Each structure stands twice: as C-alpha cells, then as structure tokens.
Amino acid sequence: MSLEIKVPTVGESITEVTLSQWLKQDGDYVEMDENIAELESDKATFELPAEKAGILRIIAQEGDTLEIGAVVCTIEEGAAPTGDSAPAAAPAKEASSTAAPAAAAKEEDPDSYAAGTASPAAAKILREKGIDPSTIKGTGKEGRITKEDAEKAQPVAKAAAPAAKPAAAPAATVAPVAGSRNERREKLSSLRKTIAKRLVAVKNETAMLTTFNEVNMQPIMDLRAKYKDTFKEKFGIGLGFMSFFTKAVTTALAEWPAVNARIEDNEIVYSDFADVSIAVSAPKGLVVPVIRNADAMSLEQIEKAIAALAGKARDNKLTIDEMTGGTFTITNGGVFGSMMSTPIINAPQSAILGMHNIIQRPIAENGQVVIRPMMYIALSYDHRIIDGRESVSFLVRVKQLLEDPARLLLGV
C-alpha cells in the first residue's frame, strides 16, 4: 500500500510552491521523517519530510509549480536494502536483458535520457541547449548530472560541413563576432516573482520620497578600534556597524513614532515597539529577517541576533515568521560598494534606512578642512503618513547619535 505525500499548508497567504530540488532519487528507500525534497514558496524555502518509511516514487519534477495539497510523490511499503539482497542481483540482471529492445527504443528518442544520467531539471536544460548528456560528467550521486552541472555546461561548436559544390561567385560575409554569445533562460522563482510584484506595488501605491544626509563615521570607528577585542572576548561576537545603526534607529523611532507606523485601510497603526527588519542578500534573492523588540536590546544582543538571522538566510533556513511583521527596515548597500541609492520601502512599513559605503572625504570641521570617513545615509518614506519635518528630523537624529555614540549608551 502506498502513501501519497502532498504539499503541506505553510501559511495563510501561500497558495502554491515550487519544487526546487529532490534530495532523494526515485526508487530510493527513505526513513520516516527523513527530508526528501525542498519546496520554495514566495517567502521561504522549506524541506518536505517522508511521512513513513518505504520506497520513494517521484511524481512531481524539479521546477514544477504545485498548489497546496497537490501530490508530490508516493511512498510504497518496502524493506530497507541489506547485504542479503545481493544474490537477487543476478535474476534482476537477467530480467533487465529482456527489456533491452524497449530501452533501445527509448534511447532513439532525442528528448529522453537514460535513467540515472540526469535529473529531470538537468535533462530539460540540456535539451534546450542541445547538449548530449553523455558528454557531461555529473557531480551528483553515482555520477548523476545535477541541475547545476547542466547550467554550467556549454555546447561544443560543430565543424561546418563542406559545401556541396563550389560557389559561382564569392558572397559578402559578415565578420564573426569575437567571444561567446550564448544565452540561457531560467524560470522566475516564486521568491523572485514575489519580490518583483511587491516592489512594483510599492512604487505604484505609496507616495515614496527620499531624504539624504551624511555621517562622520570616525567616532564609531575609534570606539570599535578601542573596544572590539574586549567586546569579542566578553561576548564571543564581533562589534559591527549594524548594531550602532540599529540602536540609533530604535532611539529615533521612539521620538518620531510616525516613521514606525503603517497604514491599514483608513487607519494609521502606531507601534510602541521596534521590530527592525535587516535586508540580507541570500543565495535565492533578497530576504528581510526581523529582529524582534530591537529597541530593548543591547549592542551585544543585536549583533548576535543579526549573526543568527544572516546565517539562516545564507543556508535558506529562515522561516516565514522570521521574515514577517517588521515595523522598520535597514538595508546596507555599502557592503557592495554603493555610494548612494534610494531604497524602496518594505511594505506595509512606511520607511526604510539605506546605509552606503564609507569613503575618506575632505570636510570642514571647526573651520579647518580635514579628511574623515564619511557615509551617505538615505531615508525613503511614505509621504502619505510621514511629513517632511518628521522624516528630516528623524534622519538628523540618527546622524547625531552615530556621530556621538556615547548618546546611545546614555540615552540622551
């Protein structure tokens, strides 16, 4: 008797998922609760466990979009393979010889591949590229060609066939273009489709405006240089810039609550807490995990929370709850070299702070021109709820706290 494994319910707003990867092969024996596949929703990636032990029979293929409740595979009753099963190999081999004509007929079909050569997703990519899978060395289990192998594979240029007869007259030829001109197509992932939809919606549905300022980072850099070793020795984690920015933001949000508010229907919802979303670049796209009650945290607690969430983001282990419910977002384009940008609001929030790279620039200080490590900061906000006075004052307060970090500890 076989058991159908279906796409589980993963959230109220999620109606479909994408089967991103099979962790087991068709015909494999799986244990109960063993992870057999990875499913990707528009918000997170999660693993699909086996609901009983037995033989896996795959139904859905990698890359398929499945509705909640759709059948992904079945698990048939069967015993785990043991050493005693070795003598049965000979009869199986004999039986397989009778199926040779059918297998040969299948190999004649250019759109099919021998079993065990390539995963379904890899086979599809190779067909689109016109590449013979027998020319690819797989890196998967037992030499199986994975999706990544297929994406990296390049078609081999074929020698031109000799002309059937001499040309009557030389024809004008187009000079060949140097370099590779290959193209490839990839289906938009559920996460990328959702990112695109949300960003366009924010641009169309909010009165978004951006205000800028600059911060002299020298005081924070001096503080970090003086205490970073002691901080790491005591708390077991490094002291970065993000904790200072998070602390400055939460202090300023308490003074300018409209920046921490949001619009729901015809009402403004004010939050007396600060759940700060931190934008993180993950392998499958931009994710924004949330630090809950960041306003009540110390620098050490903020650093540890950021490190834990960033690690989950890199491993695609973030849950939906960890990425929803923020009241304000911080994004740091400076790690990629961005000098200035206008970040897009993370709806339904009303504001987002953009950090940028630190550059040594000349500035006037006490009537003298000096060189200081300067950073441009940008606040994008929804003008429907936040006025210019509030947005500019908020950003000035953040600048004030960062340029005099002692204020963060004294609360002044």
Protein backbone atom coordinates (compact mmCIF):
# COMPACT_ATOMS: atom_id res chain seq x y z
CA MET A 1 0.00 0.00 0.00
CA SER A 2 1.39 3.40 -0.94
CA LEU A 3 1.02 6.72 0.87
CA GLU A 4 0.61 9.98 -1.04
CA ILE A 5 2.86 12.84 0.12
CA LYS A 6 1.17 16.19 -0.53
CA VAL A 7 2.26 19.82 -0.38
CA PRO A 8 1.54 20.92 3.22
CA THR A 9 -0.10 24.18 4.24
CA VAL A 10 2.75 26.60 5.02
CA GLY A 11 0.93 29.90 5.58
CA GLU A 12 -2.40 31.59 5.16
CA SER A 13 -1.37 33.69 2.15
CA ILE A 14 0.58 30.96 0.33
CA THR A 15 -1.40 29.09 -2.35
CA GLU A 16 1.38 27.45 -4.34
CA VAL A 17 5.03 26.40 -4.04
CA THR A 18 7.82 25.41 -6.41
CA LEU A 19 9.61 22.07 -6.15
CA SER A 20 13.18 23.36 -6.17
CA GLN A 21 15.14 20.15 -5.55
CA TRP A 22 14.76 16.45 -4.85
CA LEU A 23 17.02 15.31 -2.01
CA LYS A 24 16.35 11.64 -2.82
CA GLN A 25 16.10 9.74 -6.09
CA ASP A 26 13.16 7.78 -7.46
CA GLY A 27 13.27 4.25 -6.06
CA ASP A 28 15.37 5.18 -3.01
CA TYR A 29 14.45 3.75 0.37
CA VAL A 30 13.62 6.57 2.82
CA GLU A 31 13.16 6.58 6.57
CA MET A 32 10.20 8.18 8.30
CA ASP A 33 10.70 11.96 8.85
CA GLU A 34 13.72 11.95 6.51
CA ASN A 35 13.80 15.04 4.28
CA ILE A 36 13.15 14.05 0.67
CA ALA A 37 12.68 17.37 -1.18
CA GLU A 38 12.99 21.15 -0.93
CA LEU A 39 9.94 23.32 -1.62
CA GLU A 40 10.15 27.05 -2.24
CA SER A 41 7.30 29.46 -1.54
CA ASP A 42 7.19 33.16 -2.28
CA LYS A 43 8.54 33.83 1.21
CA ALA A 44 10.82 30.98 2.25
CA THR A 45 12.36 27.60 1.42
CA PHE A 46 11.40 24.57 3.49
CA GLU A 47 12.00 20.83 3.43
CA LEU A 48 9.43 18.10 2.81
CA PRO A 49 9.77 15.06 5.14
CA ALA A 50 8.71 11.49 4.45
CA GLU A 51 5.58 10.57 6.43
CA LYS A 52 6.54 6.91 6.60
CA ALA A 53 9.42 4.61 5.71
CA GLY A 54 9.43 2.91 2.34
CA ILE A 55 10.31 3.20 -1.35
CA LEU A 56 10.07 6.69 -2.86
CA ARG A 57 8.16 7.10 -6.13
CA ILE A 58 8.54 10.59 -7.60
CA ILE A 59 5.53 12.26 -9.28
CA ALA A 60 6.32 15.99 -9.43
CA GLN A 61 9.51 17.15 -11.14
CA GLU A 62 12.04 19.78 -10.14
CA GLY A 63 10.86 23.22 -11.22
CA ASP A 64 7.15 22.30 -11.10
CA THR A 65 4.75 24.79 -9.51
CA LEU A 66 2.39 22.94 -7.18
CA GLU A 67 -0.75 24.05 -5.39
CA ILE A 68 -1.20 23.41 -1.69
CA GLY A 69 -2.47 19.85 -1.31
CA ALA A 70 -1.04 18.63 -4.63
CA VAL A 71 0.59 15.18 -4.64
CA VAL A 72 4.39 15.41 -4.77
CA CYS A 73 5.27 11.72 -4.55
CA THR A 74 4.20 8.41 -3.07
CA ILE A 75 5.94 6.10 -0.64
CA GLU A 76 5.40 2.39 -1.14
CA GLU A 77 5.82 -0.22 1.53
CA GLY A 78 9.18 -1.91 1.32
CA ALA A 79 12.11 -3.04 3.41
CA ALA A 80 15.43 -1.26 3.61
CA PRO A 81 18.12 -2.84 1.40
CA THR A 82 20.50 -5.22 3.21
CA GLY A 83 23.55 -7.27 2.34
CA ASP A 84 21.36 -10.35 1.93
CA SER A 85 19.78 -8.82 -1.16
CA ALA A 86 22.99 -9.18 -3.22
CA PRO A 87 22.18 -12.70 -4.66
CA ALA A 88 18.99 -11.27 -6.14
CA ALA A 89 21.06 -9.10 -8.44
CA ALA A 90 21.59 -11.89 -10.98
CA PRO A 91 17.89 -12.58 -11.68
CA ALA A 92 17.28 -8.86 -11.87
CA LYS A 93 20.03 -8.52 -14.45
CA GLU A 94 18.56 -11.39 -16.45
CA ALA A 95 15.14 -9.79 -16.38
CA SER A 96 16.56 -6.47 -17.47
CA SER A 97 18.04 -8.07 -20.59
CA THR A 98 14.53 -8.84 -21.84
CA ALA A 99 13.71 -5.16 -21.62
CA ALA A 100 16.67 -4.16 -23.82
CA PRO A 101 14.60 -3.59 -27.00
CA ALA A 102 12.29 -1.21 -25.14
CA ALA A 103 15.26 0.64 -23.64
CA ALA A 104 16.90 0.90 -27.04
CA ALA A 105 13.72 2.35 -28.49
CA LYS A 106 13.66 4.94 -25.72
CA GLU A 107 17.28 5.94 -26.41
CA GLU A 108 16.33 6.68 -30.00
CA ASP A 109 14.06 9.48 -28.75
CA PRO A 110 16.20 12.65 -28.68
CA ASP A 111 14.04 14.10 -25.90
CA SER A 112 14.75 11.32 -23.43
CA TYR A 113 17.75 10.28 -21.40
CA ALA A 114 18.87 7.05 -19.86
CA ALA A 115 17.67 6.56 -16.29
CA GLY A 116 20.20 7.72 -13.73
CA THR A 117 22.04 10.03 -16.14
CA ALA A 118 20.40 13.38 -15.38
CA SER A 119 17.80 14.76 -13.01
CA PRO A 120 14.58 15.91 -14.72
CA ALA A 121 15.52 19.58 -14.37
CA ALA A 122 19.02 18.92 -15.74
CA ALA A 123 17.64 16.95 -18.68
CA LYS A 124 15.34 19.81 -19.61
CA ILE A 125 18.19 22.33 -19.57
CA LEU A 126 20.41 20.07 -21.66
CA ARG A 127 17.64 19.58 -24.22
CA GLU A 128 17.20 23.35 -24.52
CA LYS A 129 20.94 23.78 -25.03
CA GLY A 130 21.15 20.88 -27.47
CA ILE A 131 23.81 19.10 -25.40
CA ASP A 132 24.22 15.33 -25.32
CA PRO A 133 24.15 14.28 -21.62
CA SER A 134 26.73 11.58 -22.33
CA THR A 135 29.29 14.35 -22.83
CA ILE A 136 28.70 15.77 -19.33
CA LYS A 137 30.47 14.50 -16.23
CA GLY A 138 27.97 14.62 -13.39
CA THR A 139 28.89 15.68 -9.86
CA GLY A 140 25.81 14.22 -8.18
CA LYS A 141 25.28 10.86 -6.54
CA GLU A 142 26.71 7.98 -8.61
CA GLY A 143 27.71 10.44 -11.32
CA ARG A 144 24.19 11.78 -11.82
CA ILE A 145 24.04 15.08 -13.70
CA THR A 146 22.59 17.78 -11.45
CA LYS A 147 20.78 20.96 -12.41
CA GLU A 148 23.95 22.94 -11.61
CA ASP A 149 26.01 20.71 -13.94
CA ALA A 150 23.54 21.35 -16.77
CA GLU A 151 23.53 25.12 -16.20
CA LYS A 152 27.34 25.25 -16.36
CA ALA A 153 27.58 23.04 -19.45
CA GLN A 154 28.41 24.77 -22.73
CA PRO A 155 27.55 23.36 -26.16
CA VAL A 156 30.51 22.19 -28.25
CA ALA A 157 30.82 24.01 -31.55
CA LYS A 158 30.40 21.69 -34.53
CA ALA A 159 32.66 21.82 -37.56
CA ALA A 160 30.97 23.26 -40.61
CA ALA A 161 30.04 20.71 -43.29
CA PRO A 162 31.88 21.02 -46.65
CA ALA A 163 29.98 22.82 -49.39
CA ALA A 164 28.18 20.56 -51.87
CA LYS A 165 29.61 22.43 -54.85
CA PRO A 166 31.78 25.48 -55.46
CA ALA A 167 30.05 28.84 -55.26
CA ALA A 168 29.56 30.63 -58.54
CA ALA A 169 30.81 33.90 -57.07
CA PRO A 170 32.21 34.96 -53.73
CA ALA A 171 29.40 36.22 -51.47
CA ALA A 172 29.73 39.01 -48.96
CA THR A 173 30.32 37.62 -45.47
CA VAL A 174 29.62 39.12 -42.10
CA ALA A 175 32.64 39.32 -39.86
CA PRO A 176 32.23 36.90 -36.92
CA VAL A 177 31.75 38.46 -33.50
CA ALA A 178 34.51 37.59 -31.09
CA GLY A 179 33.64 35.90 -27.82
CA SER A 180 30.80 33.73 -26.64
CA ARG A 181 27.21 34.81 -27.38
CA ASN A 182 25.32 32.10 -25.51
CA GLU A 183 22.00 32.85 -23.84
CA ARG A 184 20.06 30.87 -21.29
CA ARG A 185 16.61 31.15 -19.80
CA GLU A 186 15.59 30.45 -16.24
CA LYS A 187 12.09 30.36 -14.84
CA LEU A 188 11.45 33.05 -12.24
CA SER A 189 11.45 31.51 -8.78
CA SER A 190 8.47 32.07 -6.52
CA LEU A 191 10.63 34.27 -4.30
CA ARG A 192 11.85 36.42 -7.20
CA LYS A 193 8.31 36.79 -8.59
CA THR A 194 7.07 37.96 -5.21
CA ILE A 195 9.95 40.42 -4.83
CA ALA A 196 9.17 41.89 -8.25
CA LYS A 197 5.45 42.14 -7.53
CA ARG A 198 5.94 43.78 -4.13
CA LEU A 199 8.48 46.34 -5.34
CA VAL A 200 6.30 47.44 -8.25
CA ALA A 201 3.28 47.66 -5.93
CA VAL A 202 5.19 49.90 -3.50
CA LYS A 203 6.22 52.28 -6.29
CA ASN A 204 2.63 52.45 -7.56
CA GLU A 205 0.71 52.55 -4.27
CA THR A 206 2.79 54.80 -2.00
CA ALA A 207 3.87 58.43 -2.14
CA MET A 208 7.52 57.48 -1.75
CA LEU A 209 10.11 60.19 -1.23
CA THR A 210 13.77 60.04 -0.15
CA THR A 211 15.79 62.41 2.03
CA PHE A 212 19.58 62.24 2.42
CA ASN A 213 22.25 63.12 4.96
CA GLU A 214 25.85 62.19 5.69
CA VAL A 215 27.53 60.78 8.78
CA ASN A 216 31.08 61.18 10.02
CA MET A 217 31.91 57.59 10.97
CA GLN A 218 35.18 58.46 12.75
CA PRO A 219 33.74 58.36 16.32
CA ILE A 220 32.24 54.89 15.80
CA MET A 221 35.39 53.62 14.10
CA ASP A 222 37.51 54.90 17.01
CA LEU A 223 35.15 53.26 19.51
CA ARG A 224 35.25 49.95 17.66
CA ALA A 225 39.05 50.03 17.36
CA LYS A 226 39.37 50.66 21.10
CA TYR A 227 36.91 48.05 22.36
CA LYS A 228 36.48 45.45 19.61
CA ASP A 229 38.89 42.93 21.16
CA THR A 230 37.41 43.33 24.64
CA PHE A 231 33.89 43.12 23.22
CA LYS A 232 34.60 39.91 21.33
CA GLU A 233 36.41 38.36 24.29
CA LYS A 234 33.50 39.11 26.62
CA PHE A 235 30.53 38.38 24.35
CA GLY A 236 32.00 35.99 21.78
CA ILE A 237 30.99 38.08 18.76
CA GLY A 238 32.43 40.98 16.78
CA LEU A 239 31.25 44.57 17.13
CA GLY A 240 29.99 45.77 13.73
CA PHE A 241 28.41 48.92 12.36
CA MET A 242 24.92 47.45 12.06
CA SER A 243 24.34 47.28 15.82
CA PHE A 244 25.11 51.00 16.15
CA PHE A 245 22.74 51.85 13.31
CA THR A 246 20.00 49.62 14.75
CA LYS A 247 20.37 51.20 18.18
CA ALA A 248 20.32 54.72 16.70
CA VAL A 249 17.24 53.90 14.61
CA THR A 250 15.26 52.48 17.53
CA THR A 251 16.07 55.56 19.64
CA ALA A 252 14.93 57.89 16.84
CA LEU A 253 11.78 55.84 16.20
CA ALA A 254 10.68 56.38 19.79
CA GLU A 255 10.97 60.14 19.25
CA TRP A 256 9.28 60.16 15.83
CA PRO A 257 6.59 57.43 16.03
CA ALA A 258 5.09 58.20 12.60
CA VAL A 259 8.22 56.75 10.98
CA ASN A 260 7.45 53.49 12.81
CA ALA A 261 3.77 53.46 11.80
CA ARG A 262 1.85 51.98 8.87
CA ILE A 263 -1.44 52.49 7.07
CA GLU A 264 -4.11 49.77 7.26
CA ASP A 265 -7.35 50.50 5.42
CA ASN A 266 -8.26 54.02 6.53
CA GLU A 267 -6.33 53.93 9.81
CA ILE A 268 -2.78 54.68 10.94
CA VAL A 269 -1.32 51.94 13.15
CA TYR A 270 1.35 53.16 15.59
CA SER A 271 3.66 50.57 17.19
CA ASP A 272 5.15 51.21 20.63
CA PHE A 273 7.89 48.67 19.87
CA ALA A 274 10.53 48.47 17.15
CA ASP A 275 10.82 45.25 15.15
CA VAL A 276 13.70 46.09 12.83
CA SER A 277 13.97 44.23 9.51
CA ILE A 278 17.51 43.76 8.22
CA ALA A 279 17.84 43.29 4.45
CA VAL A 280 20.13 40.34 3.67
CA SER A 281 21.30 39.11 0.27
CA ALA A 282 20.64 35.34 0.25
CA PRO A 283 21.54 32.79 -2.48
CA LYS A 284 17.95 32.80 -3.82
CA GLY A 285 17.30 36.54 -3.53
CA LEU A 286 16.81 39.39 -1.10
CA VAL A 287 15.27 38.41 2.24
CA VAL A 288 14.42 40.65 5.18
CA PRO A 289 14.52 38.82 8.54
CA VAL A 290 13.25 40.69 11.59
CA ILE A 291 14.91 41.48 14.93
CA ARG A 292 12.02 41.48 17.40
CA ASN A 293 11.95 44.18 20.10
CA ALA A 294 15.25 45.61 18.91
CA ASP A 295 14.56 48.73 20.98
CA ALA A 296 15.01 46.69 24.18
CA MET A 297 18.30 45.06 23.09
CA SER A 298 21.92 45.89 23.88
CA LEU A 299 24.61 46.15 21.21
CA GLU A 300 25.74 42.61 22.04
CA GLN A 301 22.21 41.18 21.72
CA ILE A 302 21.67 42.95 18.41
CA GLU A 303 24.96 41.62 16.99
CA LYS A 304 24.08 38.06 17.99
CA ALA A 305 20.57 38.35 16.54
CA ILE A 306 21.93 39.68 13.23
CA ALA A 307 24.55 36.91 13.02
CA ALA A 308 21.95 34.19 13.68
CA LEU A 309 19.48 35.53 11.10
CA ALA A 310 22.18 36.12 8.47
CA GLY A 311 23.41 32.53 8.91
CA LYS A 312 19.89 31.18 8.40
CA ALA A 313 19.47 33.37 5.33
CA ARG A 314 22.66 32.01 3.73
CA ASP A 315 21.51 28.43 4.41
CA ASN A 316 17.92 29.12 3.23
CA LYS A 317 16.64 28.14 6.68
CA LEU A 318 14.61 31.25 7.52
CA THR A 319 11.01 30.60 8.49
CA ILE A 320 8.07 32.73 7.36
CA ASP A 321 7.59 34.04 10.91
CA GLU A 322 11.19 35.27 10.95
CA MET A 323 10.59 37.38 7.84
CA THR A 324 7.22 38.97 8.60
CA GLY A 325 5.97 41.66 10.94
CA GLY A 326 8.77 44.24 10.90
CA THR A 327 7.99 47.91 11.57
CA PHE A 328 11.11 49.50 10.01
CA THR A 329 13.86 48.26 7.66
CA ILE A 330 17.61 48.88 7.39
CA THR A 331 19.49 47.95 4.21
CA ASN A 332 23.24 48.19 3.72
CA GLY A 333 24.23 48.64 0.08
CA GLY A 334 27.66 49.79 1.23
CA VAL A 335 28.88 46.22 1.56
CA PHE A 336 28.64 46.00 -2.24
CA GLY A 337 30.24 49.40 -2.84
CA SER A 338 27.14 51.56 -3.25
CA MET A 339 27.86 55.24 -2.66
CA MET A 340 24.25 56.48 -2.73
CA SER A 341 20.86 55.00 -3.53
CA THR A 342 17.13 55.45 -2.91
CA PRO A 343 15.97 52.27 -1.17
CA ILE A 344 12.40 51.09 -1.79
CA ILE A 345 10.05 50.81 1.18
CA ASN A 346 9.40 47.31 2.51
CA ALA A 347 5.57 47.30 2.54
CA PRO A 348 3.46 47.57 4.65
CA GLN A 349 6.11 49.56 6.51
CA SER A 350 6.35 53.30 5.91
CA ALA A 351 10.11 53.90 5.89
CA ILE A 352 13.49 52.32 5.20
CA LEU A 353 17.03 53.49 6.01
CA GLY A 354 19.77 52.91 3.44
CA MET A 355 23.43 52.66 4.52
CA HIS A 356 26.24 53.13 1.99
CA ASN A 357 29.98 52.69 1.72
CA ILE A 358 32.44 54.66 3.82
CA ILE A 359 34.76 56.93 1.84
CA GLN A 360 37.57 59.19 3.05
CA ARG A 361 36.48 62.69 2.02
CA PRO A 362 37.52 66.25 2.87
CA ILE A 363 35.05 68.08 5.11
CA ALA A 364 35.04 71.34 7.06
CA GLU A 365 35.48 70.83 10.80
CA ASN A 366 35.96 73.72 13.21
CA GLY A 367 36.96 75.98 10.35
CA GLN A 368 39.56 73.53 9.04
CA VAL A 369 39.50 71.13 6.09
CA VAL A 370 40.10 67.60 7.38
CA ILE A 371 39.84 64.09 5.96
CA ARG A 372 37.14 61.96 7.57
CA PRO A 373 35.48 58.58 6.83
CA MET A 374 32.07 59.70 5.58
CA MET A 375 28.92 57.74 4.78
CA TYR A 376 25.81 58.92 2.94
CA ILE A 377 22.57 57.71 4.50
CA ALA A 378 19.13 57.79 2.87
CA LEU A 379 15.63 57.57 4.31
CA SER A 380 12.86 56.60 1.90
CA TYR A 381 9.43 57.19 3.39
CA ASP A 382 5.74 57.19 2.55
CA HIS A 383 4.68 60.83 2.37
CA ARG A 384 1.05 59.85 2.97
CA ILE A 385 1.84 59.23 6.64
CA ILE A 386 5.23 60.88 7.25
CA ASP A 387 5.69 64.60 6.71
CA GLY A 388 8.92 66.24 5.64
CA ARG A 389 9.57 67.64 9.11
CA GLU A 390 9.33 64.18 10.67
CA SER A 391 11.46 62.43 8.06
CA VAL A 392 14.25 65.01 8.07
CA SER A 393 14.24 65.31 11.86
CA PHE A 394 14.38 61.52 12.19
CA LEU A 395 17.42 61.29 9.89
CA VAL A 396 19.16 64.19 11.65
CA ARG A 397 18.62 62.42 14.99
CA VAL A 398 20.14 59.21 13.60
CA LYS A 399 23.15 61.22 12.37
CA GLN A 400 23.51 62.89 15.77
CA LEU A 401 23.51 59.56 17.62
CA LEU A 402 26.02 57.95 15.26
CA GLU A 403 28.45 60.87 15.39
CA ASP A 404 28.32 60.85 19.19
CA PRO A 405 27.82 57.15 20.10
CA ALA A 406 28.06 57.90 23.82
CA ARG A 407 24.50 59.20 23.47
CA LEU A 408 23.37 55.68 22.59
CA LEU A 409 24.61 54.42 25.95
CA LEU A 410 23.42 57.43 27.96
CA GLY A 411 20.05 57.75 26.22
CA VAL A 412 20.42 61.48 25.53
